[in-house]
C-alpha atoms as a PDB file:
ATOM      1  CA  MET A   1      -7.502 -13.913 -13.451  1.00  0.00           C
ATOM      2  CA  ASP A   2      -5.209 -16.575 -14.722  1.00  0.00           C
ATOM      3  CA  ALA A   3      -1.704 -17.430 -13.485  1.00  0.00           C
ATOM      4  CA  GLN A   4      -0.059 -14.917 -15.834  1.00  0.00           C
ATOM      5  CA  ASP A   5      -2.324 -12.142 -14.517  1.00  0.00           C
ATOM      6  CA  VAL A   6      -1.175 -12.935 -10.964  1.00  0.00           C
ATOM      7  CA  VAL A   7       2.480 -12.883 -12.028  1.00  0.00           C
ATOM      8  CA  ASP A   8       1.840  -9.516 -13.694  1.00  0.00           C
ATOM      9  CA  LEU A   9       0.267  -8.249 -10.466  1.00  0.00           C
ATOM     10  CA  LEU A  10       3.301  -9.405  -8.505  1.00  0.00           C
ATOM     11  CA  ARG A  11       5.559  -7.513 -10.906  1.00  0.00           C
ATOM     12  CA  LEU A  12       3.509  -4.317 -10.549  1.00  0.00           C
ATOM     13  CA  THR A  13       3.273  -4.356  -6.748  1.00  0.00           C
ATOM     14  CA  GLN A  14       5.692  -4.562  -3.856  1.00  0.00           C
ATOM     15  CA  GLY A  15       3.624  -6.195  -1.130  1.00  0.00           C
ATOM     16  CA  GLN A  16       2.370  -9.634  -0.298  1.00  0.00           C
ATOM     17  CA  VAL A  17      -0.332 -11.180  -2.488  1.00  0.00           C
ATOM     18  CA  VAL A  18      -2.833 -13.729  -1.217  1.00  0.00           C
ATOM     19  CA  ALA A  19      -4.557 -15.839  -3.842  1.00  0.00           C
ATOM     20  CA  ASN A  20      -7.836 -17.321  -2.715  1.00  0.00           C
ATOM     21  CA  HIS A  21     -11.015 -18.688  -4.223  1.00  0.00           C
ATOM     22  CA  LEU A  22      -9.100 -21.071  -6.458  1.00  0.00           C
ATOM     23  CA  GLU A  23     -10.153 -24.263  -8.193  1.00  0.00           C
ATOM     24  CA  ALA A  24     -13.857 -23.434  -8.404  1.00  0.00           C
ATOM     25  CA  LEU A  25     -15.298 -25.719 -11.054  1.00  0.00           C
ATOM     26  CA  SER A  26     -17.484 -23.213 -12.816  1.00  0.00           C
ATOM     27  CA  HIS A  27     -15.492 -20.000 -12.954  1.00  0.00           C
ATOM     28  CA  CYS A  28     -11.948 -20.326 -11.634  1.00  0.00           C
ATOM     29  CA  PRO A  29     -10.037 -23.138 -13.287  1.00  0.00           C
ATOM     30  CA  VAL A  30      -6.642 -21.928 -11.965  1.00  0.00           C
ATOM     31  CA  THR A  31      -5.108 -24.491  -9.632  1.00  0.00           C
ATOM     32  CA  ARG A  32      -3.069 -23.763  -6.531  1.00  0.00           C
ATOM     33  CA  THR A  33      -0.223 -25.820  -7.935  1.00  0.00           C
ATOM     34  CA  GLY A  34      -0.270 -24.033 -11.292  1.00  0.00           C
ATOM     35  CA  LEU A  35      -0.322 -20.632  -9.649  1.00  0.00           C
ATOM     36  CA  ALA A  36       2.533 -21.513  -7.300  1.00  0.00           C
ATOM     37  CA  GLN A  37       4.577 -22.888 -10.207  1.00  0.00           C
ATOM     38  CA  ALA A  38       4.042 -19.709 -12.245  1.00  0.00           C
ATOM     39  CA  ALA A  39       5.178 -17.549  -9.322  1.00  0.00           C
ATOM     40  CA  THR A  40       8.227 -19.764  -8.793  1.00  0.00           C
ATOM     41  CA  GLN A  41       9.180 -19.576 -12.472  1.00  0.00           C
ATOM     42  CA  ALA A  42       8.935 -15.782 -12.265  1.00  0.00           C
ATOM     43  CA  GLY A  43      11.074 -15.747  -9.096  1.00  0.00           C
ATOM     44  CA  MET A  44       8.280 -14.226  -7.014  1.00  0.00           C
ATOM     45  CA  GLN A  45       7.135 -17.145  -4.891  1.00  0.00           C
ATOM     46  CA  ALA A  46       8.157 -15.462  -1.618  1.00  0.00           C
ATOM     47  CA  ARG A  47       5.458 -12.796  -2.031  1.00  0.00           C
ATOM     48  CA  LEU A  48       2.630 -15.064  -3.139  1.00  0.00           C
ATOM     49  CA  HIS A  49       0.588 -16.902  -0.535  1.00  0.00           C
ATOM     50  CA  VAL A  50      -1.768 -19.630  -1.710  1.00  0.00           C
ATOM     51  CA  PRO A  51      -3.654 -20.937   1.333  1.00  0.00           C
ATOM     52  CA  ALA A  52      -5.295 -24.334   1.403  1.00  0.00           C
ATOM     53  CA  ASP A  53      -9.046 -24.616   1.882  1.00  0.00           C
ATOM     54  CA  GLY A  54      -9.840 -23.589   5.450  1.00  0.00           C
ATOM     55  CA  GLU A  55      -6.323 -22.314   6.136  1.00  0.00           C
ATOM     56  CA  THR A  56      -5.989 -18.999   7.964  1.00  0.00           C
ATOM     57  CA  LEU A  57      -3.037 -16.740   7.261  1.00  0.00           C
ATOM     58  CA  THR A  58      -1.824 -14.323   9.908  1.00  0.00           C
ATOM     59  CA  PHE A  59       0.344 -11.350   9.068  1.00  0.00           C
ATOM     60  CA  HIS A  60       2.125  -9.477  11.817  1.00  0.00           C
ATOM     61  CA  GLU A  61       2.681  -5.749  11.597  1.00  0.00           C
ATOM     62  CA  ALA A  62       6.477  -6.085  11.796  1.00  0.00           C
ATOM     63  CA  GLU A  63       6.442  -8.453   8.794  1.00  0.00           C
ATOM     64  CA  LEU A  64       4.285  -6.060   6.803  1.00  0.00           C
ATOM     65  CA  LEU A  65       6.490  -3.106   7.632  1.00  0.00           C
ATOM     66  CA  MET A  66       9.571  -5.022   6.458  1.00  0.00           C
ATOM     67  CA  VAL A  67       7.867  -5.682   3.130  1.00  0.00           C
ATOM     68  CA  MET A  68       6.861  -2.041   2.734  1.00  0.00           C
ATOM     69  CA  GLU A  69      10.374  -0.629   3.328  1.00  0.00           C
END
């Protein structure tokens, strides 16, 4: 997927999206910065999470329920 594919996914869904496995030299040239910029330009940065290497994201049920309503 490229950045535009992720923006398209954000437009087609309502929930949170976590982008991982980025910046792999051989098969994933999308950068974290480029992906975040594309989401910001589309006005969807609040739903896209782009964790750093080794970062753990925690989602609480109450937060997920708010997104789903």
